[in-house]
C-alpha cells in the first residue's frame, strides 16, 4: 500500500512560469516535483507516492505550490493543509 497525493494547477495560455509541487508529511518525509502538463486533463499536475502507510486516515499533511520563472521565485508559495481521506484513493489537491 502507498500514500498518493496528486497536485493540480490550471494550465494557462502564455504562462511562462514553471510550477513545482511539494508534499510534506508529519513524519518528516517530503517530496518536490515539477508539475507537468496532462493531455487528458488539460492541466498541470504531478503524483507524489510515499511507500507504506505514512499518513493515517484523517491525519493531516501539507501540500505546497511554488511558481518560478528563470530560477527566480515570482510568487509567494501557496499551501493547503489537507486531511487524508479514509478511503484508499489518491488525495487530490487543486490549486487555483
N, C-alpha and C. Protein backbone atom coordinates (compact mmCIF):
# COMPACT_ATOMS: atom_id res chain seq x y z
N UNK A 1 0.84 -1.18 0.00
CA UNK A 1 0.00 0.00 0.00
C UNK A 1 0.89 1.24 0.00
N UNK A 2 0.41 2.29 -0.62
CA UNK A 2 1.16 3.54 -0.69
C UNK A 2 0.21 4.71 -0.48
N UNK A 3 0.77 5.80 -0.03
CA UNK A 3 0.03 7.05 0.14
C UNK A 3 0.33 7.91 -1.08
N UNK A 4 -0.72 8.34 -1.80
CA UNK A 4 -0.54 9.10 -3.04
C UNK A 4 -1.25 10.44 -2.95
N UNK A 5 -0.56 11.47 -3.42
CA UNK A 5 -1.11 12.82 -3.50
C UNK A 5 -0.91 13.30 -4.93
N UNK A 6 -1.96 13.88 -5.51
CA UNK A 6 -1.86 14.47 -6.84
C UNK A 6 -2.13 15.96 -6.70
N UNK A 7 -1.13 16.77 -7.06
CA UNK A 7 -1.28 18.22 -7.03
C UNK A 7 -1.63 18.67 -8.44
N UNK A 8 -2.68 19.52 -8.54
CA UNK A 8 -3.14 20.01 -9.84
C UNK A 8 -3.18 21.53 -9.85
N UNK A 9 -2.91 22.10 -11.02
CA UNK A 9 -2.96 23.55 -11.22
C UNK A 9 -3.41 23.80 -12.65
N UNK A 10 -4.29 24.78 -12.88
CA UNK A 10 -4.73 25.06 -14.25
C UNK A 10 -3.56 25.44 -15.16
N UNK A 11 -3.65 25.05 -16.40
CA UNK A 11 -2.67 25.44 -17.40
C UNK A 11 -3.23 26.63 -18.16
N UNK A 12 -2.48 27.72 -18.16
CA UNK A 12 -2.95 28.95 -18.81
C UNK A 12 -2.11 29.25 -20.04
N UNK A 13 -2.74 29.73 -21.08
CA UNK A 13 -2.04 30.10 -22.30
C UNK A 13 -1.07 31.24 -22.02
N UNK A 14 0.11 31.15 -22.58
CA UNK A 14 1.16 32.17 -22.44
C UNK A 14 1.70 32.32 -21.02
N UNK A 15 1.48 31.34 -20.17
CA UNK A 15 2.03 31.37 -18.81
C UNK A 15 3.47 30.86 -18.88
N UNK A 16 4.42 31.71 -18.59
CA UNK A 16 5.83 31.35 -18.69
C UNK A 16 6.39 30.76 -17.40
N UNK A 17 5.57 30.60 -16.41
CA UNK A 17 6.04 30.09 -15.12
C UNK A 17 6.24 28.58 -15.16
N UNK A 18 7.14 28.13 -14.33
CA UNK A 18 7.32 26.71 -14.07
C UNK A 18 6.77 26.48 -12.67
N UNK A 19 5.95 25.45 -12.50
CA UNK A 19 5.31 25.19 -11.20
C UNK A 19 5.88 23.93 -10.57
N UNK A 20 6.17 24.05 -9.29
CA UNK A 20 6.65 22.92 -8.50
C UNK A 20 5.67 22.64 -7.39
N UNK A 21 5.40 21.36 -7.18
CA UNK A 21 4.57 20.93 -6.07
C UNK A 21 5.44 20.28 -5.01
N UNK A 22 5.04 20.45 -3.78
CA UNK A 22 5.76 19.84 -2.66
C UNK A 22 4.75 19.23 -1.70
N UNK A 23 5.10 18.10 -1.14
CA UNK A 23 4.26 17.44 -0.15
C UNK A 23 5.12 17.14 1.07
N UNK A 24 4.61 17.53 2.23
CA UNK A 24 5.32 17.31 3.49
C UNK A 24 4.44 16.47 4.41
N UNK A 25 5.00 15.39 4.95
CA UNK A 25 4.27 14.52 5.86
C UNK A 25 4.70 14.80 7.30
N UNK A 26 3.86 14.40 8.24
CA UNK A 26 4.15 14.65 9.65
C UNK A 26 5.39 13.90 10.14
N UNK A 27 5.73 12.78 9.49
CA UNK A 27 6.89 12.00 9.93
C UNK A 27 8.21 12.58 9.40
N UNK A 28 8.15 13.72 8.71
CA UNK A 28 9.35 14.38 8.23
C UNK A 28 9.69 14.11 6.78
N UNK A 29 9.02 13.15 6.16
CA UNK A 29 9.28 12.87 4.74
C UNK A 29 8.67 13.97 3.88
N UNK A 30 9.33 14.24 2.76
CA UNK A 30 8.81 15.24 1.83
C UNK A 30 9.30 14.90 0.42
N UNK A 31 8.59 15.45 -0.55
CA UNK A 31 8.98 15.29 -1.96
C UNK A 31 8.66 16.58 -2.68
N UNK A 32 9.46 16.86 -3.70
CA UNK A 32 9.23 18.00 -4.57
C UNK A 32 9.31 17.52 -6.01
N UNK A 33 8.39 18.01 -6.84
CA UNK A 33 8.38 17.63 -8.26
C UNK A 33 7.89 18.80 -9.09
N UNK A 34 8.36 18.84 -10.32
CA UNK A 34 7.87 19.82 -11.28
C UNK A 34 6.54 19.33 -11.83
N UNK A 35 5.53 20.20 -11.86
CA UNK A 35 4.24 19.82 -12.42
C UNK A 35 4.35 19.79 -13.94
N UNK A 36 3.82 18.74 -14.53
CA UNK A 36 3.86 18.55 -15.98
C UNK A 36 2.45 18.63 -16.55
N UNK A 37 2.36 18.98 -17.83
CA UNK A 37 1.07 19.10 -18.49
C UNK A 37 0.45 17.73 -18.72
N UNK A 38 -0.83 17.60 -18.40
CA UNK A 38 -1.59 16.37 -18.63
C UNK A 38 -2.51 16.58 -19.83
N UNK A 39 -2.28 15.85 -20.91
CA UNK A 39 -3.13 15.97 -22.09
C UNK A 39 -4.56 15.53 -21.82
N UNK A 40 -4.73 14.53 -20.97
CA UNK A 40 -6.07 14.02 -20.70
C UNK A 40 -6.89 14.98 -19.84
N UNK A 41 -6.24 15.66 -18.90
CA UNK A 41 -6.98 16.56 -18.00
C UNK A 41 -6.81 18.03 -18.35
N UNK A 42 -5.94 18.33 -19.31
CA UNK A 42 -5.71 19.70 -19.76
C UNK A 42 -5.29 20.63 -18.62
N UNK A 43 -4.41 20.14 -17.76
CA UNK A 43 -3.90 20.95 -16.66
C UNK A 43 -2.47 20.52 -16.34
N UNK A 44 -1.87 21.21 -15.38
CA UNK A 44 -0.57 20.81 -14.87
C UNK A 44 -0.80 19.95 -13.65
N UNK A 45 -0.06 18.86 -13.52
CA UNK A 45 -0.24 18.01 -12.35
C UNK A 45 0.95 17.09 -12.16
N UNK A 46 1.05 16.54 -10.96
CA UNK A 46 2.09 15.57 -10.66
C UNK A 46 1.62 14.71 -9.50
N UNK A 47 2.02 13.44 -9.54
CA UNK A 47 1.66 12.49 -8.49
C UNK A 47 2.86 12.26 -7.57
N UNK A 48 2.60 12.30 -6.28
CA UNK A 48 3.62 12.05 -5.26
C UNK A 48 3.26 10.75 -4.56
N UNK A 49 4.19 9.81 -4.52
CA UNK A 49 3.92 8.49 -3.93
C UNK A 49 4.88 8.26 -2.78
N UNK A 50 4.31 7.90 -1.63
CA UNK A 50 5.09 7.55 -0.44
C UNK A 50 4.78 6.10 -0.10
N UNK A 51 5.81 5.26 -0.02
CA UNK A 51 5.62 3.84 0.28
C UNK A 51 5.07 3.64 1.68
N UNK A 52 4.33 2.55 1.83
CA UNK A 52 3.77 2.20 3.12
C UNK A 52 2.52 3.00 3.42
N UNK A 53 2.27 3.19 4.69
CA UNK A 53 1.08 3.93 5.14
C UNK A 53 1.55 5.04 6.08
N UNK A 54 2.25 6.05 5.54
CA UNK A 54 2.84 7.07 6.40
C UNK A 54 1.84 8.08 6.97
N UNK A 55 0.63 8.12 6.40
CA UNK A 55 -0.38 9.06 6.87
C UNK A 55 -1.64 8.27 7.21
N UNK A 56 -2.06 8.35 8.45
CA UNK A 56 -3.27 7.66 8.89
C UNK A 56 -4.51 8.39 8.38
N UNK A 57 -5.65 7.70 8.28
CA UNK A 57 -6.89 8.37 7.89
C UNK A 57 -7.17 9.56 8.81
N UNK A 58 -7.60 10.65 8.23
CA UNK A 58 -7.92 11.91 8.91
C UNK A 58 -6.70 12.62 9.48
N UNK A 59 -5.50 12.12 9.25
CA UNK A 59 -4.28 12.80 9.67
C UNK A 59 -3.93 13.84 8.59
N UNK A 60 -3.31 14.94 9.00
CA UNK A 60 -3.04 15.98 8.03
C UNK A 60 -1.65 15.88 7.41
N UNK A 61 -1.53 16.52 6.27
CA UNK A 61 -0.26 16.66 5.55
C UNK A 61 -0.30 18.02 4.86
N UNK A 62 0.83 18.50 4.42
CA UNK A 62 0.94 19.82 3.81
C UNK A 62 1.26 19.69 2.33
N UNK A 63 0.49 20.40 1.50
CA UNK A 63 0.76 20.47 0.06
C UNK A 63 1.08 21.92 -0.28
N UNK A 64 2.07 22.12 -1.13
CA UNK A 64 2.54 23.46 -1.43
C UNK A 64 2.76 23.60 -2.93
N UNK A 65 2.44 24.76 -3.48
CA UNK A 65 2.66 25.06 -4.90
C UNK A 65 3.54 26.30 -5.00
N UNK A 66 4.60 26.21 -5.80
CA UNK A 66 5.54 27.31 -5.96
C UNK A 66 5.72 27.60 -7.45
N UNK A 67 5.57 28.87 -7.84
CA UNK A 67 5.78 29.28 -9.22
C UNK A 67 7.13 29.97 -9.34
N UNK A 68 7.90 29.59 -10.36
CA UNK A 68 9.20 30.23 -10.61
C UNK A 68 9.31 30.60 -12.08
N UNK A 69 10.20 31.53 -12.36
CA UNK A 69 10.46 31.95 -13.73
C UNK A 69 11.95 32.22 -13.84
N UNK A 70 12.66 31.42 -14.64
CA UNK A 70 14.10 31.55 -14.82
C UNK A 70 14.84 31.57 -13.49
N UNK A 71 14.55 30.62 -12.64
CA UNK A 71 15.20 30.42 -11.34
C UNK A 71 14.89 31.50 -10.31
N UNK A 72 13.96 32.38 -10.60
CA UNK A 72 13.55 33.37 -9.61
C UNK A 72 12.15 33.04 -9.12
N UNK A 73 11.97 33.06 -7.82
CA UNK A 73 10.63 32.89 -7.28
C UNK A 73 9.85 34.16 -7.57
N UNK A 74 8.70 34.03 -8.21
CA UNK A 74 7.98 35.22 -8.60
C UNK A 74 6.66 35.39 -7.86
N UNK A 75 6.25 34.39 -7.17
CA UNK A 75 5.03 34.49 -6.37
C UNK A 75 5.28 33.83 -5.03
N UNK A 76 4.53 34.25 -4.05
CA UNK A 76 4.62 33.58 -2.77
C UNK A 76 4.07 32.17 -2.91
N UNK A 77 4.66 31.21 -2.23
CA UNK A 77 4.12 29.85 -2.27
C UNK A 77 2.68 29.83 -1.76
N UNK A 78 1.90 28.96 -2.33
CA UNK A 78 0.53 28.74 -1.89
C UNK A 78 0.50 27.38 -1.24
N UNK A 79 -0.17 27.26 -0.10
CA UNK A 79 -0.18 25.97 0.57
C UNK A 79 -1.59 25.61 1.03
N UNK A 80 -1.78 24.33 1.26
CA UNK A 80 -3.02 23.80 1.82
C UNK A 80 -2.67 22.72 2.82
N UNK A 81 -3.30 22.78 3.97
CA UNK A 81 -3.19 21.70 4.93
C UNK A 81 -4.38 20.78 4.66
N UNK A 82 -4.08 19.56 4.26
CA UNK A 82 -5.10 18.60 3.85
C UNK A 82 -5.23 17.49 4.89
N UNK A 83 -6.35 16.81 4.84
CA UNK A 83 -6.58 15.66 5.71
C UNK A 83 -6.73 14.42 4.84
N UNK A 84 -6.05 13.35 5.22
CA UNK A 84 -6.09 12.10 4.48
C UNK A 84 -7.49 11.51 4.53
N UNK A 85 -8.06 11.30 3.37
CA UNK A 85 -9.37 10.66 3.26
C UNK A 85 -9.26 9.21 3.72
N UNK A 86 -10.22 8.72 4.51
CA UNK A 86 -10.17 7.32 4.95
C UNK A 86 -10.23 6.31 3.80
N UNK A 87 -10.85 6.69 2.68
CA UNK A 87 -10.92 5.77 1.53
C UNK A 87 -9.53 5.62 0.91
N UNK A 88 -9.17 4.42 0.45
CA UNK A 88 -7.84 4.19 -0.13
C UNK A 88 -7.74 4.68 -1.58
N UNK A 89 -7.83 5.99 -1.76
CA UNK A 89 -7.75 6.60 -3.09
C UNK A 89 -6.69 7.70 -3.05
N UNK A 90 -6.13 8.07 -4.20
CA UNK A 90 -5.17 9.18 -4.20
C UNK A 90 -5.82 10.47 -3.70
N UNK A 91 -5.06 11.24 -2.95
CA UNK A 91 -5.52 12.53 -2.46
C UNK A 91 -5.32 13.55 -3.57
N UNK A 92 -6.36 14.30 -3.91
CA UNK A 92 -6.29 15.31 -4.96
C UNK A 92 -6.25 16.69 -4.30
N UNK A 93 -5.23 17.48 -4.65
CA UNK A 93 -5.11 18.84 -4.13
C UNK A 93 -5.15 19.78 -5.32
N UNK A 94 -6.21 20.58 -5.41
CA UNK A 94 -6.37 21.53 -6.51
C UNK A 94 -5.96 22.93 -6.06
N UNK A 95 -5.03 23.52 -6.79
CA UNK A 95 -4.64 24.90 -6.54
C UNK A 95 -5.18 25.75 -7.68
N UNK A 96 -5.79 26.89 -7.35
CA UNK A 96 -6.31 27.77 -8.42
C UNK A 96 -5.19 28.49 -9.15
